[in-house]
Structures are given as structure tokens and as C-alpha cells.
Amino acid sequence: MKSSAPPDVEQPVTVDKPFDVGKPLNTPHPVAQACPQCGSTEYKAVKPAAMIAFTSDRLCLSCSTQYTPPTPLWARFIFGVIGVAALGFSVVATYNIILGKLHGRLGLLTPFVVAVVGLGCLYKAVTK
């Protein structure tokens, strides 16, 4: 398909989105330690399809199925601790704002944003 712009006009520069913005939070591929199609453990590492990934996705050398290894236990633990702490902070801050102890310095938006981050961390902690 030809461009309608004259040949002497420069094309705009395209910039990748930072921090994998636009990628899905969850992987579209099956999650497994070995190939879910044929059971082979031989693979080639490929770029992960998910926004948050601790290891590369895998492409089976036998049947070319792409799959994602499970989230490591240490990462699930860290996400769980951060999620619980964030939700705890949100509940305590909201309670204190309602009681008038914080005088609304934080505003109700701050505990809400922290709660959303906490829920996201807990989601990543319990899903593979």
C-alpha cells in the first residue's frame, strides 16, 4: 500500500510504549513447566507476551507451541506481602480519614489507588 505523502516528507518516528503498556496483564499462552502439547522440556526462550513476567516465554523445539512458565514462588510471596500491606494501609488510612484523625490530608483518592495496587499484587500472587 502506497503512502499518500510526497516522497520528500519524513515519516513520523514511532516510539515503543514504556513499561510494556498495552500488553495484557495475564499471558495468552498456556502456563506449564514443560510443553503442554507434547511434554518436551527442550525450548527456546522468546519475549514474554504478558506485561509482568519474571522469565521469558518458551517456544517448544519439538512442536513449536509457545507457553509460559509459572510465576516463581518467591515472586508470588513478595506480591502477596506487598498486596496485603497495601490493602492494610488503605483500610487504616480510610478509617482514620473517616474518623477525622488525618483531616483529609491524604484524601480518599490515595487509599483507593493504594488499594487498587494491592489488589493487583494479590491477583499476581494467586494466579500462575
N, C-alpha and C. Protein backbone atom coordinates (compact mmCIF):
# COMPACT_ATOMS: atom_id res chain seq x y z
N MET A 1 0.83 -1.16 0.00
CA MET A 1 0.00 0.00 0.00
C MET A 1 0.88 1.23 0.00
N LYS A 2 0.66 2.15 -0.90
CA LYS A 2 1.49 3.33 -1.04
C LYS A 2 1.00 4.43 -0.12
N SER A 3 1.96 5.22 0.37
CA SER A 3 1.62 6.36 1.21
C SER A 3 1.21 7.52 0.33
N SER A 4 0.26 8.33 0.79
CA SER A 4 -0.21 9.47 0.01
C SER A 4 0.68 10.69 0.20
N ALA A 5 1.66 10.63 1.10
CA ALA A 5 2.56 11.76 1.34
C ALA A 5 3.62 11.81 0.25
N PRO A 6 4.06 13.01 -0.09
CA PRO A 6 5.15 13.14 -1.08
C PRO A 6 6.41 12.45 -0.57
N PRO A 7 7.27 12.00 -1.48
CA PRO A 7 8.46 11.25 -1.07
C PRO A 7 9.46 12.06 -0.25
N ASP A 8 9.43 13.39 -0.33
CA ASP A 8 10.41 14.18 0.41
C ASP A 8 9.96 14.50 1.85
N VAL A 9 8.75 14.07 2.23
CA VAL A 9 8.26 14.30 3.59
C VAL A 9 8.71 13.16 4.49
N GLU A 10 9.30 13.51 5.65
CA GLU A 10 9.77 12.49 6.58
C GLU A 10 8.58 11.82 7.27
N GLN A 11 8.71 10.53 7.49
CA GLN A 11 7.69 9.78 8.21
C GLN A 11 7.86 10.03 9.70
N PRO A 12 6.77 10.05 10.47
CA PRO A 12 6.90 10.27 11.92
C PRO A 12 7.65 9.13 12.58
N VAL A 13 8.35 9.47 13.64
CA VAL A 13 9.10 8.49 14.40
C VAL A 13 8.14 7.76 15.33
N THR A 14 8.19 6.45 15.33
CA THR A 14 7.35 5.68 16.24
C THR A 14 8.18 5.28 17.45
N VAL A 15 7.58 5.43 18.63
CA VAL A 15 8.26 5.13 19.88
C VAL A 15 7.48 4.02 20.58
N ASP A 16 8.20 3.01 21.05
CA ASP A 16 7.56 1.94 21.80
C ASP A 16 6.99 2.49 23.09
N LYS A 17 5.89 1.90 23.54
CA LYS A 17 5.27 2.33 24.79
C LYS A 17 6.18 1.89 25.95
N PRO A 18 6.34 2.76 26.95
CA PRO A 18 7.20 2.39 28.07
C PRO A 18 6.52 1.37 28.98
N PHE A 19 7.33 0.60 29.67
CA PHE A 19 6.86 -0.36 30.68
C PHE A 19 5.85 -1.35 30.13
N ASP A 20 5.96 -1.69 28.88
CA ASP A 20 5.07 -2.67 28.25
C ASP A 20 3.60 -2.29 28.34
N VAL A 21 3.31 -0.98 28.32
CA VAL A 21 1.93 -0.52 28.36
C VAL A 21 1.22 -1.06 27.12
N GLY A 22 0.03 -1.59 27.30
CA GLY A 22 -0.72 -2.15 26.20
C GLY A 22 -0.65 -3.67 26.15
N LYS A 23 0.34 -4.25 26.82
CA LYS A 23 0.41 -5.70 26.87
C LYS A 23 -0.62 -6.20 27.88
N PRO A 24 -1.12 -7.42 27.68
CA PRO A 24 -2.08 -7.94 28.66
C PRO A 24 -1.40 -8.23 29.99
N LEU A 25 -2.17 -8.11 31.08
CA LEU A 25 -1.62 -8.40 32.40
C LEU A 25 -1.36 -9.89 32.55
N ASN A 26 -2.22 -10.68 31.97
CA ASN A 26 -2.07 -12.14 32.02
C ASN A 26 -1.56 -12.64 30.68
N THR A 27 -0.95 -13.79 30.67
CA THR A 27 -0.42 -14.36 29.44
C THR A 27 -1.54 -15.02 28.62
N PRO A 28 -1.49 -14.89 27.31
CA PRO A 28 -2.48 -15.58 26.47
C PRO A 28 -2.10 -17.04 26.20
N HIS A 29 -0.91 -17.43 26.63
CA HIS A 29 -0.41 -18.78 26.36
C HIS A 29 -0.66 -19.68 27.57
N PRO A 30 -0.65 -21.00 27.35
CA PRO A 30 -0.80 -21.91 28.49
C PRO A 30 0.38 -21.79 29.46
N VAL A 31 0.11 -22.01 30.74
CA VAL A 31 1.15 -21.94 31.77
C VAL A 31 1.54 -23.36 32.15
N ALA A 32 2.83 -23.67 31.98
CA ALA A 32 3.31 -25.03 32.26
C ALA A 32 4.82 -25.02 32.41
N GLN A 33 5.35 -26.04 33.12
CA GLN A 33 6.80 -26.21 33.25
C GLN A 33 7.38 -26.83 31.99
N ALA A 34 6.64 -27.74 31.38
CA ALA A 34 7.05 -28.40 30.13
C ALA A 34 6.00 -28.10 29.07
N CYS A 35 6.30 -28.41 27.84
CA CYS A 35 5.36 -28.12 26.74
C CYS A 35 4.01 -28.78 27.01
N PRO A 36 2.92 -28.00 27.02
CA PRO A 36 1.60 -28.59 27.29
C PRO A 36 1.09 -29.44 26.13
N GLN A 37 1.67 -29.28 24.94
CA GLN A 37 1.22 -30.02 23.76
C GLN A 37 1.86 -31.41 23.67
N CYS A 38 3.20 -31.43 23.79
CA CYS A 38 3.90 -32.71 23.58
C CYS A 38 4.68 -33.19 24.81
N GLY A 39 4.82 -32.34 25.84
CA GLY A 39 5.53 -32.74 27.05
C GLY A 39 7.03 -32.55 27.00
N SER A 40 7.56 -32.03 25.90
CA SER A 40 9.00 -31.85 25.76
C SER A 40 9.50 -30.76 26.72
N THR A 41 10.73 -30.92 27.18
CA THR A 41 11.34 -29.92 28.05
C THR A 41 12.38 -29.08 27.31
N GLU A 42 12.56 -29.33 26.03
CA GLU A 42 13.51 -28.55 25.23
C GLU A 42 12.77 -27.36 24.63
N TYR A 43 13.34 -26.18 24.82
CA TYR A 43 12.66 -24.96 24.38
C TYR A 43 13.67 -23.88 24.00
N LYS A 44 13.14 -22.87 23.35
CA LYS A 44 13.91 -21.66 23.04
C LYS A 44 13.21 -20.51 23.75
N ALA A 45 13.97 -19.65 24.42
CA ALA A 45 13.39 -18.52 25.13
C ALA A 45 12.94 -17.45 24.13
N VAL A 46 11.72 -16.93 24.33
CA VAL A 46 11.18 -15.87 23.48
C VAL A 46 10.63 -14.75 24.38
N LYS A 47 10.40 -13.59 23.78
CA LYS A 47 9.92 -12.44 24.53
C LYS A 47 8.55 -12.74 25.16
N PRO A 48 8.38 -12.42 26.46
CA PRO A 48 7.10 -12.71 27.10
C PRO A 48 5.96 -11.86 26.54
N ALA A 49 4.77 -12.45 26.53
CA ALA A 49 3.59 -11.77 25.99
C ALA A 49 2.87 -10.97 27.07
N ALA A 50 3.16 -11.22 28.34
CA ALA A 50 2.46 -10.54 29.44
C ALA A 50 3.23 -9.29 29.86
N MET A 51 2.51 -8.38 30.52
CA MET A 51 3.13 -7.13 30.98
C MET A 51 4.14 -7.41 32.10
N ILE A 52 3.79 -8.29 33.03
CA ILE A 52 4.67 -8.62 34.14
C ILE A 52 5.12 -10.06 33.98
N ALA A 53 6.42 -10.25 33.79
CA ALA A 53 6.96 -11.59 33.61
C ALA A 53 8.33 -11.68 34.29
N PHE A 54 8.59 -12.78 34.95
CA PHE A 54 9.86 -12.97 35.63
C PHE A 54 10.85 -13.75 34.79
N THR A 55 10.35 -14.49 33.81
CA THR A 55 11.20 -15.23 32.90
C THR A 55 10.63 -15.09 31.49
N SER A 56 11.42 -15.45 30.53
CA SER A 56 10.96 -15.40 29.15
C SER A 56 9.93 -16.50 28.90
N ASP A 57 9.05 -16.26 27.94
CA ASP A 57 8.16 -17.33 27.49
C ASP A 57 9.01 -18.38 26.78
N ARG A 58 8.43 -19.54 26.55
CA ARG A 58 9.19 -20.63 25.93
C ARG A 58 8.51 -21.09 24.64
N LEU A 59 9.33 -21.42 23.67
CA LEU A 59 8.85 -21.96 22.40
C LEU A 59 9.41 -23.38 22.28
N CYS A 60 8.51 -24.35 22.27
CA CYS A 60 8.91 -25.76 22.22
C CYS A 60 9.67 -26.03 20.92
N LEU A 61 10.81 -26.69 21.03
CA LEU A 61 11.60 -27.03 19.85
C LEU A 61 11.02 -28.21 19.09
N SER A 62 10.19 -29.01 19.74
CA SER A 62 9.61 -30.19 19.08
C SER A 62 8.37 -29.85 18.27
N CYS A 63 7.44 -29.08 18.87
CA CYS A 63 6.16 -28.84 18.19
C CYS A 63 5.83 -27.36 17.98
N SER A 64 6.73 -26.46 18.34
CA SER A 64 6.58 -25.00 18.15
C SER A 64 5.42 -24.39 18.93
N THR A 65 5.03 -25.00 20.03
CA THR A 65 3.99 -24.42 20.89
C THR A 65 4.64 -23.42 21.82
N GLN A 66 4.05 -22.22 21.93
CA GLN A 66 4.56 -21.23 22.86
C GLN A 66 3.80 -21.35 24.17
N TYR A 67 4.54 -21.36 25.28
CA TYR A 67 3.93 -21.46 26.60
C TYR A 67 4.72 -20.61 27.58
N THR A 68 4.11 -20.38 28.74
CA THR A 68 4.70 -19.52 29.77
C THR A 68 5.00 -20.34 31.00
N PRO A 69 6.22 -20.23 31.57
CA PRO A 69 6.50 -20.94 32.83
C PRO A 69 5.73 -20.27 33.97
N PRO A 70 5.39 -21.02 35.02
CA PRO A 70 4.66 -20.43 36.14
C PRO A 70 5.48 -19.37 36.87
N THR A 71 4.78 -18.47 37.56
CA THR A 71 5.45 -17.44 38.37
C THR A 71 6.20 -18.14 39.49
N PRO A 72 7.47 -17.77 39.72
CA PRO A 72 8.25 -18.41 40.79
C PRO A 72 7.60 -18.16 42.17
N LEU A 73 7.81 -19.10 43.09
CA LEU A 73 7.21 -18.97 44.43
C LEU A 73 7.69 -17.73 45.16
N TRP A 74 8.97 -17.37 45.01
CA TRP A 74 9.47 -16.19 45.71
C TRP A 74 8.76 -14.94 45.22
N ALA A 75 8.43 -14.85 43.94
CA ALA A 75 7.74 -13.68 43.40
C ALA A 75 6.29 -13.65 43.88
N ARG A 76 5.66 -14.80 43.94
CA ARG A 76 4.29 -14.86 44.44
C ARG A 76 4.24 -14.43 45.90
N PHE A 77 5.23 -14.83 46.68
CA PHE A 77 5.30 -14.44 48.08
C PHE A 77 5.47 -12.92 48.22
N ILE A 78 6.38 -12.35 47.45
CA ILE A 78 6.61 -10.90 47.51
C ILE A 78 5.35 -10.14 47.09
N PHE A 79 4.71 -10.57 46.01
CA PHE A 79 3.46 -9.92 45.59
C PHE A 79 2.40 -10.03 46.68
N GLY A 80 2.32 -11.17 47.35
CA GLY A 80 1.34 -11.35 48.41
C GLY A 80 1.59 -10.42 49.58
N VAL A 81 2.85 -10.30 50.01
CA VAL A 81 3.20 -9.42 51.13
C VAL A 81 2.90 -7.96 50.78
N ILE A 82 3.30 -7.53 49.59
CA ILE A 82 3.04 -6.15 49.17
C ILE A 82 1.54 -5.90 49.06
N GLY A 83 0.79 -6.86 48.53
CA GLY A 83 -0.65 -6.71 48.39
C GLY A 83 -1.36 -6.58 49.72
N VAL A 84 -1.00 -7.44 50.67
CA VAL A 84 -1.62 -7.37 51.99
C VAL A 84 -1.26 -6.06 52.69
N ALA A 85 0.00 -5.64 52.59
CA ALA A 85 0.42 -4.38 53.22
C ALA A 85 -0.32 -3.19 52.60
N ALA A 86 -0.46 -3.18 51.29
CA ALA A 86 -1.15 -2.08 50.62
C ALA A 86 -2.62 -2.03 51.00
N LEU A 87 -3.27 -3.18 51.05
CA LEU A 87 -4.68 -3.21 51.46
C LEU A 87 -4.83 -2.80 52.92
N GLY A 88 -3.92 -3.24 53.76
CA GLY A 88 -3.95 -2.84 55.18
C GLY A 88 -3.81 -1.34 55.33
N PHE A 89 -2.86 -0.75 54.61
CA PHE A 89 -2.68 0.70 54.64
C PHE A 89 -3.95 1.40 54.18
N SER A 90 -4.57 0.91 53.13
CA SER A 90 -5.78 1.54 52.59
C SER A 90 -6.91 1.53 53.60
N VAL A 91 -7.10 0.40 54.25
CA VAL A 91 -8.18 0.28 55.24
C VAL A 91 -7.92 1.21 56.41
N VAL A 92 -6.70 1.21 56.95
CA VAL A 92 -6.37 2.05 58.11
C VAL A 92 -6.46 3.54 57.74
N ALA A 93 -5.95 3.91 56.58
CA ALA A 93 -6.00 5.32 56.17
C ALA A 93 -7.43 5.78 55.95
N THR A 94 -8.25 4.96 55.31
CA THR A 94 -9.65 5.33 55.08
C THR A 94 -10.39 5.46 56.41
N TYR A 95 -10.16 4.54 57.32
CA TYR A 95 -10.79 4.58 58.64
C TYR A 95 -10.40 5.85 59.38
N ASN A 96 -9.12 6.19 59.35
CA ASN A 96 -8.66 7.40 60.05
C ASN A 96 -9.17 8.68 59.39
N ILE A 97 -9.32 8.67 58.09
CA ILE A 97 -9.88 9.84 57.40
C ILE A 97 -11.34 10.02 57.80
N ILE A 98 -12.08 8.91 57.84
CA ILE A 98 -13.49 8.98 58.22
C ILE A 98 -13.63 9.46 59.67
N LEU A 99 -12.74 9.02 60.56
CA LEU A 99 -12.78 9.47 61.95
C LEU A 99 -12.28 10.90 62.11
N GLY A 100 -11.64 11.44 61.12
CA GLY A 100 -11.12 12.81 61.19
C GLY A 100 -9.72 12.92 61.75
N LYS A 101 -9.05 11.79 61.97
CA LYS A 101 -7.70 11.84 62.53
C LYS A 101 -6.66 12.34 61.53
N LEU A 102 -6.90 12.09 60.24
CA LEU A 102 -5.94 12.53 59.23
C LEU A 102 -6.37 13.85 58.59
N HIS A 103 -7.53 14.34 58.93
CA HIS A 103 -8.03 15.61 58.42
C HIS A 103 -8.01 15.69 56.90
N GLY A 104 -8.12 14.56 56.25
CA GLY A 104 -8.20 14.53 54.80
C GLY A 104 -6.92 14.93 54.08
N ARG A 105 -5.79 14.92 54.79
CA ARG A 105 -4.53 15.30 54.14
C ARG A 105 -4.22 14.38 52.97
N LEU A 106 -4.49 13.13 53.15
CA LEU A 106 -4.23 12.18 52.08
C LEU A 106 -5.33 12.19 51.03
N GLY A 107 -6.51 12.57 51.43
CA GLY A 107 -7.64 12.48 50.52
C GLY A 107 -8.06 11.04 50.37
N LEU A 108 -9.26 10.80 49.94
CA LEU A 108 -9.73 9.43 49.77
C LEU A 108 -9.18 8.78 48.51
N LEU A 109 -8.60 9.58 47.62
CA LEU A 109 -8.06 9.02 46.40
C LEU A 109 -6.80 8.18 46.67
N THR A 110 -5.97 8.63 47.60
CA THR A 110 -4.73 7.91 47.90
C THR A 110 -5.00 6.49 48.40
N PRO A 111 -5.86 6.30 49.42
CA PRO A 111 -6.13 4.92 49.84
C PRO A 111 -6.76 4.08 48.73
N PHE A 112 -7.57 4.70 47.89
CA PHE A 112 -8.18 3.97 46.78
C PHE A 112 -7.12 3.48 45.80
N VAL A 113 -6.19 4.35 45.42
CA VAL A 113 -5.12 3.98 44.48
C VAL A 113 -4.24 2.89 45.09
N VAL A 114 -3.91 3.03 46.37
CA VAL A 114 -3.07 2.03 47.03
C VAL A 114 -3.82 0.69 47.10
N ALA A 115 -5.13 0.74 47.32
CA ALA A 115 -5.93 -0.50 47.35
C ALA A 115 -5.95 -1.18 45.99
N VAL A 116 -6.03 -0.40 44.92
CA VAL A 116 -6.01 -0.98 43.57
C VAL A 116 -4.67 -1.66 43.30
N VAL A 117 -3.59 -1.01 43.70
CA VAL A 117 -2.25 -1.61 43.55
C VAL A 117 -2.16 -2.88 44.38
N GLY A 118 -2.68 -2.84 45.60
CA GLY A 118 -2.66 -4.02 46.47
C GLY A 118 -3.45 -5.18 45.88
N LEU A 119 -4.62 -4.87 45.32
CA LEU A 119 -5.42 -5.92 44.69
C LEU A 119 -4.70 -6.51 43.47
N GLY A 120 -4.03 -5.64 42.71
CA GLY A 120 -3.25 -6.13 41.57
C GLY A 120 -2.13 -7.06 42.01
N CYS A 121 -1.46 -6.70 43.10
CA CYS A 121 -0.38 -7.56 43.62
C CYS A 121 -0.94 -8.89 44.12
N LEU A 122 -2.07 -8.85 44.81
CA LEU A 122 -2.68 -10.10 45.28
C LEU A 122 -3.13 -10.97 44.11
N TYR A 123 -3.63 -10.33 43.06
CA TYR A 123 -4.03 -11.08 41.86
C TYR A 123 -2.82 -11.83 41.29
N LYS A 124 -1.69 -11.14 41.16
CA LYS A 124 -0.48 -11.79 40.64
C LYS A 124 0.05 -12.85 41.58
N ALA A 125 -0.21 -12.69 42.89
CA ALA A 125 0.28 -13.67 43.86
C ALA A 125 -0.50 -14.98 43.79
N VAL A 126 -1.78 -14.91 43.48
CA VAL A 126 -2.59 -16.14 43.50
C VAL A 126 -2.75 -16.77 42.12
N THR A 127 -2.41 -16.06 41.05
CA THR A 127 -2.52 -16.65 39.71
C THR A 127 -1.15 -17.11 39.26
N LYS A 128 -1.14 -18.10 38.39
CA LYS A 128 0.14 -18.58 37.87
C LYS A 128 0.46 -17.84 36.61
